[in-house]
Amino acid sequence: MIILYTKYSKEKLKLNNKLMASGGEGKIYVVNNKKGYLAKIFHEKKRNNIRYQKLIFMLKNPPFILDNLVWPEDIILDENRKFMGYLMKKVEGQKLELFCLPKIERGFYDKFPNFEVRSKSTLKHRIRVAYRILASLYQLHSCGRYTLVDLKPENILLYTPKKFHVLDLDSVQVVENGKVLFPAIVITPEYAPPEQRWLKSKDRVTSVSWDYFSWGIVLYKFLYGVHPYAASSKAPYDQFSSLKQKIEQGLFVHDPKLRSSFLKIPVLHNLFRETPQAIQQLFMQCFVEGHKNKEARPSFGDWLHILENWVSSSDQVGFKYEYTTDITLAKVNKVENVQNIYTKYSPDKQSLTEKPQQKEPVDKNREEDVPHNLSSNILFSVLGSSLIWGFTIIISKYTIFSTISWRKLATFLALPTYIVFVIAVISIIDNAK
């Protein structure tokens, strides 16, 4: 058993000797005495001060919402207070990469019954899942500090169509006031944009448009089961065999200018034509227009706006988005660039923007506010009636009106409040219907 300690919570951690996973940066262990947690222990050569300081920054500056993001929760030290790694929550699921294959494994059919066959009829189910994943990635971007850089299906775990998690977030690029505090060193060439060839300086800011390109590839593979640049080419492009080279050359299989340049295109690419036109247009904008002009790539907000139209209802998704238009939007059908800023709402959480706007002015007398107003009317009616009854009893006993029946007088004075009371009750019953 491996004994380590947390920096901030001052806990003693007992790590299972058996490895759960291992990679190029470190090893993953189960924490035996802290249920539901894992420890990522970096390889000795990776335990440097830059990683240590980066984790401290991330712990102090988490995203607004961490529901689906596996964020570092504490720093792990050895008995001599030397940096070892970090603590994170344990999550379950299968890598999204398995759902990007032409066919999914039979063992997944129970949880993903609509994922068996790739067709136009089942496409909407994958779009719903993509919508949810993208919403979480948008939340990370909304902090203004983090760029994923190494966005790929292997870093997303899918447990059910509604439950997923984004992993390996300790590799993100961290930027503050336009300056790179901590660069993202790791990239995966087949998911990186054409400008990856120029990414040499660690001080160079990697734009969020990098993530926009990577997301385009991830989404394309998830929807169609094939990489958007997977095809064999004729001369002079036949010399470019790797996906990295094809990306750099802009060999997107649906580029109308390159139709005659391809020798063989995998049949799965035909599903692209079965996709709604608006989604096709965003892919074209990402891979054709965005090849040389990274600012032309659709943002996460642009994708959310379009995918939202193909999600049948906000209740099935589990949350809804309201958006306002500001600065730049997707060039759907060659329209001008406009970006949609989305705000996530849930019953127990406030909006993520400082001052979210509405699509339309809010009517203060809207129907959903009526029950609250009617309840107030009933309360005041009952209180008013009680006060009038008490007041008339005093009048009938101690004033010149003592000769008048106090019951008749009270009934007469309280009549208006009774009318309001009856109207309020009838209105509530009618509203409930």
Protein backbone atom coordinates (compact mmCIF):
# COMPACT_ATOMS: atom_id res chain seq x y z
CA MET A 1 0.00 0.00 0.00
CA ILE A 2 1.27 3.46 -0.94
CA ILE A 3 0.91 6.19 1.70
CA LEU A 4 0.68 9.82 0.53
CA TYR A 5 -0.86 13.08 1.80
CA THR A 6 -3.00 15.92 0.50
CA LYS A 7 -1.69 19.48 0.60
CA TYR A 8 -4.84 21.40 1.55
CA SER A 9 -7.18 18.97 3.34
CA LYS A 10 -4.24 17.41 5.23
CA GLU A 11 -5.58 13.89 4.66
CA LYS A 12 -3.63 10.67 4.70
CA LEU A 13 -4.23 8.69 1.51
CA LYS A 14 -3.84 4.94 1.21
CA LEU A 15 -3.33 4.03 -2.44
CA ASN A 16 -4.00 0.58 -3.79
CA ASN A 17 -0.81 -1.04 -5.05
CA LYS A 18 -2.61 -2.27 -8.14
CA LEU A 19 -2.52 0.22 -11.01
CA MET A 20 -5.88 1.30 -12.42
CA ALA A 21 -4.35 2.92 -15.52
CA SER A 22 -1.06 4.23 -16.85
CA GLY A 23 -0.09 6.76 -19.50
CA GLY A 24 2.66 8.99 -20.79
CA GLU A 25 2.36 11.47 -17.93
CA GLY A 26 1.68 9.26 -14.95
CA LYS A 27 -0.21 6.45 -13.25
CA ILE A 28 -3.73 6.27 -11.81
CA TYR A 29 -4.38 4.59 -8.45
CA VAL A 30 -7.56 3.93 -6.47
CA VAL A 31 -7.60 5.63 -3.05
CA ASN A 32 -8.66 2.88 -0.65
CA ASN A 33 -9.57 5.09 2.29
CA LYS A 34 -11.41 7.79 0.31
CA LYS A 35 -14.34 6.27 -1.53
CA GLY A 36 -14.99 7.58 -5.00
CA TYR A 37 -11.54 9.14 -5.51
CA LEU A 38 -8.45 8.45 -7.58
CA ALA A 39 -4.87 9.64 -7.36
CA LYS A 40 -2.93 10.64 -10.46
CA ILE A 41 0.77 10.24 -9.69
CA PHE A 42 3.07 11.78 -12.29
CA HIS A 43 6.15 10.00 -13.54
CA GLU A 44 9.24 11.25 -11.72
CA LYS A 45 10.47 13.29 -14.68
CA LYS A 46 7.07 15.03 -14.93
CA ARG A 47 7.00 16.19 -11.29
CA ASN A 48 8.27 19.70 -11.85
CA ASN A 49 7.46 23.07 -10.34
CA ILE A 50 5.52 24.18 -13.45
CA ARG A 51 2.98 21.38 -13.02
CA TYR A 52 2.83 22.06 -9.30
CA GLN A 53 2.11 25.77 -9.75
CA LYS A 54 -0.37 25.04 -12.54
CA LEU A 55 -2.40 22.75 -10.28
CA ILE A 56 -2.41 25.40 -7.55
CA PHE A 57 -3.78 27.91 -10.06
CA MET A 58 -6.46 25.48 -11.26
CA LEU A 59 -7.57 24.72 -7.71
CA LYS A 60 -7.94 28.43 -7.00
CA ASN A 61 -9.68 29.18 -10.30
CA PRO A 62 -12.12 26.36 -11.13
CA PRO A 63 -14.80 26.69 -13.85
CA PHE A 64 -18.25 27.94 -12.85
CA ILE A 65 -19.78 24.46 -13.03
CA LEU A 66 -17.87 21.21 -12.51
CA ASP A 67 -20.69 18.69 -12.94
CA ASN A 68 -19.13 16.90 -15.91
CA LEU A 69 -15.52 18.05 -15.63
CA VAL A 70 -13.02 15.91 -13.71
CA TRP A 71 -11.15 18.80 -12.13
CA PRO A 72 -8.20 18.45 -9.70
CA GLU A 73 -9.46 18.55 -6.09
CA ASP A 74 -6.23 18.59 -4.11
CA ILE A 75 -2.48 18.25 -4.56
CA ILE A 76 -0.81 15.04 -3.42
CA LEU A 77 2.54 15.09 -1.58
CA ASP A 78 4.78 12.41 -0.16
CA GLU A 79 5.90 12.20 3.47
CA ASN A 80 8.70 14.70 2.72
CA ARG A 81 6.21 17.21 1.26
CA LYS A 82 7.46 16.60 -2.27
CA PHE A 83 5.02 17.02 -5.14
CA MET A 84 3.64 13.74 -6.49
CA GLY A 85 0.36 14.40 -8.32
CA TYR A 86 -3.24 15.32 -7.60
CA LEU A 87 -6.52 13.96 -6.26
CA MET A 88 -9.60 13.65 -8.46
CA LYS A 89 -13.03 12.04 -8.44
CA LYS A 90 -13.51 8.55 -9.80
CA VAL A 91 -15.92 8.38 -12.72
CA GLU A 92 -17.30 5.52 -14.77
CA GLY A 93 -17.97 5.04 -18.43
CA GLN A 94 -16.51 4.10 -21.78
CA LYS A 95 -14.24 6.31 -23.85
CA LEU A 96 -16.10 8.26 -26.51
CA GLU A 97 -13.62 6.85 -29.02
CA LEU A 98 -15.50 3.51 -28.85
CA PHE A 99 -18.63 5.32 -30.05
CA CYS A 100 -16.70 6.91 -32.91
CA LEU A 101 -16.08 3.53 -34.53
CA PRO A 102 -18.25 2.38 -37.47
CA LYS A 103 -20.07 -0.04 -35.13
CA ILE A 104 -20.29 -0.05 -31.33
CA GLU A 105 -19.66 -3.17 -29.27
CA ARG A 106 -22.66 -5.36 -28.44
CA GLY A 107 -22.13 -4.86 -24.72
CA PHE A 108 -23.17 -1.21 -25.07
CA TYR A 109 -26.57 -1.93 -26.66
CA ASP A 110 -28.48 -1.91 -23.36
CA LYS A 111 -27.39 1.60 -22.35
CA PHE A 112 -27.24 2.93 -25.91
CA PRO A 113 -30.05 1.16 -27.82
CA ASN A 114 -30.26 3.87 -30.48
CA PHE A 115 -26.55 3.77 -31.30
CA GLU A 116 -26.44 0.37 -32.97
CA VAL A 117 -26.78 1.48 -36.58
CA ARG A 118 -25.57 4.71 -38.11
CA SER A 119 -28.46 6.17 -40.10
CA LYS A 120 -30.47 9.34 -40.54
CA SER A 121 -33.12 8.08 -38.10
CA THR A 122 -30.64 7.46 -35.26
CA LEU A 123 -28.57 10.58 -35.88
CA LYS A 124 -30.72 12.71 -33.55
CA HIS A 125 -29.75 10.54 -30.56
CA ARG A 126 -26.06 11.20 -31.13
CA ILE A 127 -26.76 14.91 -31.63
CA ARG A 128 -28.39 15.04 -28.18
CA VAL A 129 -25.30 13.51 -26.58
CA ALA A 130 -23.01 15.86 -28.51
CA TYR A 131 -25.10 18.81 -27.34
CA ARG A 132 -24.61 17.87 -23.69
CA ILE A 133 -20.87 17.32 -24.04
CA LEU A 134 -20.40 20.59 -25.88
CA ALA A 135 -22.33 22.47 -23.20
CA SER A 136 -19.75 21.42 -20.60
CA LEU A 137 -16.86 22.37 -22.87
CA TYR A 138 -18.49 25.76 -23.33
CA GLN A 139 -18.58 26.23 -19.56
CA LEU A 140 -14.83 25.65 -19.42
CA HIS A 141 -14.20 28.21 -22.18
CA SER A 142 -16.50 30.72 -20.50
CA CYS A 143 -13.92 31.16 -17.71
CA GLY A 144 -11.69 32.95 -20.22
CA ARG A 145 -8.58 31.20 -18.86
CA TYR A 146 -8.58 27.67 -20.24
CA THR A 147 -8.05 26.16 -23.70
CA LEU A 148 -8.24 22.38 -23.98
CA VAL A 149 -5.75 22.03 -26.87
CA ASP A 150 -5.73 18.21 -26.60
CA LEU A 151 -9.48 17.73 -27.13
CA LYS A 152 -10.14 14.20 -28.37
CA PRO A 153 -12.66 11.34 -27.86
CA GLU A 154 -10.24 9.45 -25.61
CA ASN A 155 -10.57 12.20 -23.01
CA ILE A 156 -14.36 11.92 -22.75
CA LEU A 157 -16.07 9.12 -20.82
CA LEU A 158 -19.65 8.26 -21.73
CA TYR A 159 -21.61 6.30 -19.11
CA THR A 160 -25.16 6.79 -20.44
CA PRO A 161 -26.57 9.12 -23.13
CA LYS A 162 -27.12 11.66 -20.34
CA LYS A 163 -24.08 11.02 -18.16
CA PHE A 164 -20.50 11.73 -19.22
CA HIS A 165 -17.24 13.26 -17.96
CA VAL A 166 -14.31 15.14 -19.52
CA LEU A 167 -10.90 13.88 -18.36
CA ASP A 168 -7.23 14.89 -18.33
CA LEU A 169 -7.97 18.55 -17.71
CA ASP A 170 -4.61 19.08 -16.03
CA SER A 171 -3.17 19.34 -19.56
CA VAL A 172 -5.14 22.49 -20.52
CA GLN A 173 -3.46 25.75 -21.50
CA VAL A 174 -3.84 28.48 -18.87
CA VAL A 175 -3.93 32.12 -19.98
CA GLU A 176 -4.31 35.23 -17.84
CA ASN A 177 -4.66 38.72 -19.34
CA GLY A 178 -3.54 37.52 -22.75
CA LYS A 179 -0.36 35.94 -21.39
CA VAL A 180 0.38 32.21 -21.23
CA LEU A 181 0.88 31.19 -17.61
CA PHE A 182 1.04 27.47 -18.30
CA PRO A 183 1.21 26.07 -21.84
CA ALA A 184 -0.46 22.89 -23.05
CA ILE A 185 2.44 20.68 -24.01
CA VAL A 186 0.48 17.61 -25.12
CA ILE A 187 -1.37 17.55 -28.47
CA THR A 188 -2.77 14.76 -30.64
CA PRO A 189 -1.92 15.51 -34.31
CA GLU A 190 -5.02 13.89 -35.86
CA TYR A 191 -7.27 16.21 -33.80
CA ALA A 192 -5.17 19.36 -34.07
CA PRO A 193 -5.74 22.18 -36.61
CA PRO A 194 -3.37 23.01 -39.50
CA GLU A 195 -1.48 25.59 -37.43
CA GLN A 196 -0.06 22.78 -35.27
CA ARG A 197 3.04 22.89 -37.50
CA TRP A 198 3.83 26.36 -36.12
CA LEU A 199 3.24 25.52 -32.45
CA LYS A 200 6.82 25.72 -31.20
CA SER A 201 7.05 28.50 -28.64
CA LYS A 202 5.71 27.67 -25.19
CA ASP A 203 4.89 31.35 -24.69
CA ARG A 204 2.66 31.52 -27.75
CA VAL A 205 -1.05 31.73 -26.90
CA THR A 206 -3.06 28.91 -28.44
CA SER A 207 -6.37 30.48 -29.48
CA VAL A 208 -9.71 28.93 -28.53
CA SER A 209 -10.21 28.49 -32.29
CA TRP A 210 -7.82 25.54 -31.90
CA ASP A 211 -10.46 23.82 -29.77
CA TYR A 212 -13.15 24.74 -32.30
CA PHE A 213 -11.30 22.80 -35.00
CA SER A 214 -10.69 19.82 -32.69
CA TRP A 215 -14.35 19.76 -31.73
CA GLY A 216 -15.31 19.65 -35.41
CA ILE A 217 -13.26 16.46 -35.85
CA VAL A 218 -14.58 14.88 -32.63
CA LEU A 219 -18.19 15.61 -33.59
CA TYR A 220 -17.74 14.38 -37.18
CA LYS A 221 -16.28 11.07 -35.98
CA PHE A 222 -18.99 10.67 -33.35
CA LEU A 223 -21.81 11.28 -35.85
CA TYR A 224 -20.46 9.38 -38.84
CA GLY A 225 -17.89 6.89 -37.52
CA VAL A 226 -15.04 8.14 -39.68
CA HIS A 227 -12.41 10.90 -39.55
CA PRO A 228 -13.33 13.90 -41.76
CA TYR A 229 -9.97 13.67 -43.54
CA ALA A 230 -9.95 9.88 -44.01
CA ALA A 231 -9.74 9.20 -47.76
CA SER A 232 -7.13 8.26 -50.33
CA SER A 233 -6.08 10.99 -52.77
CA LYS A 234 -4.80 11.31 -56.30
CA ALA A 235 -1.61 13.11 -57.29
CA PRO A 236 -0.28 15.50 -56.16
CA TYR A 237 -1.94 14.77 -52.78
CA ASP A 238 -1.19 11.05 -52.81
CA GLN A 239 2.10 11.70 -51.02
CA PHE A 240 0.22 12.79 -47.88
CA SER A 241 -0.75 9.58 -46.10
CA SER A 242 -1.13 10.49 -42.42
CA LEU A 243 -4.16 12.30 -41.02
CA LYS A 244 -1.85 15.03 -39.73
CA GLN A 245 -0.56 15.69 -43.25
CA LYS A 246 -4.05 15.65 -44.73
CA ILE A 247 -5.24 18.19 -42.15
CA GLU A 248 -2.29 20.44 -42.94
CA GLN A 249 -3.13 20.22 -46.67
CA GLY A 250 -6.83 20.88 -46.07
CA LEU A 251 -8.00 17.59 -47.62
CA PHE A 252 -11.52 17.62 -46.15
CA VAL A 253 -13.47 15.01 -48.11
CA HIS A 254 -16.50 17.29 -48.69
CA ASP A 255 -14.58 20.32 -49.95
CA PRO A 256 -16.27 21.03 -53.32
CA LYS A 257 -12.99 22.30 -54.77
CA LEU A 258 -11.29 18.95 -54.10
CA ARG A 259 -13.92 16.49 -55.33
CA SER A 260 -11.81 15.34 -58.24
CA SER A 261 -8.72 14.96 -56.03
CA PHE A 262 -9.89 11.90 -54.11
CA LEU A 263 -9.28 8.37 -55.28
CA LYS A 264 -11.45 6.55 -52.76
CA ILE A 265 -13.77 7.94 -50.08
CA PRO A 266 -15.06 5.60 -47.31
CA VAL A 267 -18.79 4.97 -47.61
CA LEU A 268 -19.50 6.24 -44.08
CA HIS A 269 -18.86 9.79 -45.35
CA ASN A 270 -22.18 9.53 -47.23
CA LEU A 271 -24.03 10.02 -43.93
CA PHE A 272 -22.83 13.62 -44.03
CA ARG A 273 -25.42 14.28 -46.75
CA GLU A 274 -28.16 12.92 -44.49
CA THR A 275 -27.38 15.56 -41.87
CA PRO A 276 -29.42 18.78 -41.53
CA GLN A 277 -28.12 21.46 -43.87
CA ALA A 278 -27.23 23.81 -41.02
CA ILE A 279 -24.91 21.22 -39.46
CA GLN A 280 -23.29 20.50 -42.83
CA GLN A 281 -22.65 24.21 -43.23
CA LEU A 282 -20.87 24.45 -39.88
CA PHE A 283 -18.60 21.55 -40.81
CA MET A 284 -17.79 23.31 -44.09
CA GLN A 285 -17.10 26.49 -42.20
CA CYS A 286 -14.80 24.66 -39.78
CA PHE A 287 -12.75 22.62 -42.25
CA VAL A 288 -12.91 24.62 -45.49
CA GLU A 289 -13.16 28.29 -44.54
CA GLY A 290 -11.44 27.62 -41.21
CA HIS A 291 -8.46 25.90 -42.82
CA LYS A 292 -6.61 29.13 -43.55
CA ASN A 293 -8.72 31.55 -41.49
CA LYS A 294 -9.05 30.23 -37.95
CA GLU A 295 -11.40 33.08 -37.04
CA ALA A 296 -13.95 31.64 -39.49
CA ARG A 297 -14.35 28.44 -37.46
CA PRO A 298 -17.71 28.12 -35.67
CA SER A 299 -17.42 28.60 -31.93
CA PHE A 300 -18.90 26.34 -29.26
CA GLY A 301 -21.74 28.82 -28.99
CA ASP A 302 -22.41 28.58 -32.73
CA TRP A 303 -22.57 24.79 -32.54
CA LEU A 304 -24.86 24.89 -29.50
CA HIS A 305 -27.23 27.20 -31.32
CA ILE A 306 -27.54 24.86 -34.30
CA LEU A 307 -27.56 21.56 -32.37
CA GLU A 308 -30.22 22.95 -30.05
CA ASN A 309 -32.65 23.06 -32.96
CA TRP A 310 -32.29 19.29 -33.34
CA VAL A 311 -32.83 18.43 -29.69
CA SER A 312 -36.50 17.58 -29.35
CA SER A 313 -37.06 19.20 -25.96
CA SER A 314 -35.11 20.80 -23.12
CA ASP A 315 -36.60 18.29 -20.65
CA GLN A 316 -35.04 15.33 -22.49
CA VAL A 317 -31.66 17.04 -22.47
CA GLY A 318 -31.80 17.85 -18.78
CA PHE A 319 -31.17 21.59 -19.08
CA LYS A 320 -31.89 24.39 -21.48
CA TYR A 321 -29.97 27.27 -22.92
CA GLU A 322 -31.00 30.82 -23.54
CA TYR A 323 -28.75 32.85 -25.77
CA THR A 324 -28.21 36.41 -26.83
CA THR A 325 -26.47 37.59 -29.92
CA ASP A 326 -23.20 39.41 -29.53
CA ILE A 327 -20.17 40.07 -31.72
CA THR A 328 -20.00 36.92 -33.94
CA LEU A 329 -22.61 34.14 -35.13
CA ALA A 330 -22.28 31.02 -37.23
CA LYS A 331 -22.12 31.65 -40.97
CA VAL A 332 -25.07 29.42 -41.69
CA ASN A 333 -25.94 29.79 -45.37
CA LYS A 334 -23.23 32.44 -45.73
CA VAL A 335 -24.76 34.80 -43.22
CA GLU A 336 -22.57 37.30 -41.36
CA ASN A 337 -20.54 36.08 -38.43
CA VAL A 338 -22.40 36.31 -35.10
CA GLN A 339 -21.47 34.57 -31.87
CA ASN A 340 -24.19 33.25 -29.54
CA ILE A 341 -23.47 33.52 -25.85
CA TYR A 342 -25.24 30.73 -23.99
CA THR A 343 -26.23 30.62 -20.35
CA LYS A 344 -26.95 27.41 -18.50
CA TYR A 345 -29.87 27.37 -16.11
CA SER A 346 -30.84 24.76 -13.55
CA PRO A 347 -33.21 24.93 -10.56
CA ASP A 348 -30.47 25.37 -7.96
CA LYS A 349 -27.87 27.37 -9.90
CA GLN A 350 -27.63 30.95 -11.02
CA SER A 351 -26.73 31.90 -14.57
CA LEU A 352 -23.09 31.80 -15.53
CA THR A 353 -22.93 35.21 -17.12
CA GLU A 354 -22.89 38.43 -15.11
CA LYS A 355 -26.11 39.72 -16.59
CA PRO A 356 -27.89 37.31 -18.93
CA GLN A 357 -30.20 38.89 -21.47
CA GLN A 358 -33.45 37.49 -22.76
CA LYS A 359 -34.52 36.91 -26.34
CA GLU A 360 -37.69 38.91 -25.68
CA PRO A 361 -38.67 41.44 -22.99
CA VAL A 362 -40.05 39.71 -19.94
CA ASP A 363 -43.72 40.44 -19.34
CA LYS A 364 -44.19 41.04 -15.63
CA ASN A 365 -47.84 39.97 -15.94
CA ARG A 366 -47.04 36.74 -17.72
CA GLU A 367 -49.21 33.75 -17.00
CA GLU A 368 -46.73 31.82 -14.86
CA ASP A 369 -46.60 34.67 -12.34
CA VAL A 370 -50.39 34.66 -11.80
CA PRO A 371 -50.53 31.93 -9.12
CA HIS A 372 -48.12 33.93 -6.93
CA ASN A 373 -50.23 37.12 -7.28
CA LEU A 374 -53.47 35.26 -6.61
CA SER A 375 -52.05 33.69 -3.48
CA SER A 376 -51.23 37.18 -2.23
CA ASN A 377 -54.78 38.35 -3.02
CA ILE A 378 -56.26 35.48 -1.01
CA LEU A 379 -54.02 36.22 1.97
CA PHE A 380 -54.92 39.89 2.00
CA SER A 381 -58.61 39.07 1.53
CA VAL A 382 -58.66 36.77 4.58
CA LEU A 383 -56.72 39.25 6.71
CA GLY A 384 -58.93 42.11 5.56
CA SER A 385 -62.10 40.20 6.35
CA SER A 386 -60.85 39.32 9.84
CA LEU A 387 -59.88 42.91 10.61
CA ILE A 388 -63.25 44.23 9.42
CA TRP A 389 -65.13 41.67 11.53
CA GLY A 390 -63.15 42.65 14.61
CA PHE A 391 -63.58 46.34 13.89
CA THR A 392 -67.38 46.04 13.48
CA ILE A 393 -67.72 44.15 16.80
CA ILE A 394 -66.06 47.09 18.59
CA ILE A 395 -68.30 49.59 16.75
CA SER A 396 -71.49 47.67 17.54
CA LYS A 397 -70.77 47.58 21.27
CA TYR A 398 -69.21 50.96 22.06
CA THR A 399 -70.61 53.46 19.53
CA ILE A 400 -73.92 54.95 18.40
CA PHE A 401 -74.23 52.03 15.97
CA SER A 402 -74.81 49.65 18.86
CA THR A 403 -78.50 49.49 17.91
CA ILE A 404 -77.60 47.96 14.54
CA SER A 405 -77.00 44.25 14.39
CA TRP A 406 -73.19 43.91 14.39
CA ARG A 407 -73.41 40.80 12.25
CA LYS A 408 -75.27 42.67 9.50
CA LEU A 409 -72.85 45.59 9.67
CA ALA A 410 -69.79 43.32 9.52
CA THR A 411 -71.23 41.39 6.59
CA PHE A 412 -71.93 44.61 4.69
CA LEU A 413 -68.44 46.05 5.28
CA ALA A 414 -66.65 42.78 4.54
CA LEU A 415 -68.57 42.11 1.32
CA PRO A 416 -65.88 43.58 -1.06
CA THR A 417 -63.15 41.40 0.44
CA TYR A 418 -65.34 38.30 0.08
CA ILE A 419 -65.85 39.09 -3.59
CA VAL A 420 -62.06 39.39 -4.12
CA PHE A 421 -61.57 36.12 -2.24
CA VAL A 422 -64.07 34.21 -4.42
CA ILE A 423 -62.62 35.64 -7.66
CA ALA A 424 -59.09 34.65 -6.57
CA VAL A 425 -60.14 31.05 -5.81
CA ILE A 426 -61.96 30.71 -9.14
CA SER A 427 -58.95 32.10 -11.01
CA ILE A 428 -56.55 29.66 -9.33
CA ILE A 429 -58.77 26.67 -10.21
CA ASP A 430 -59.05 27.88 -13.79
CA ASN A 431 -55.28 28.42 -14.04
CA ALA A 432 -54.59 24.92 -12.71
CA LYS A 433 -56.69 23.47 -15.51
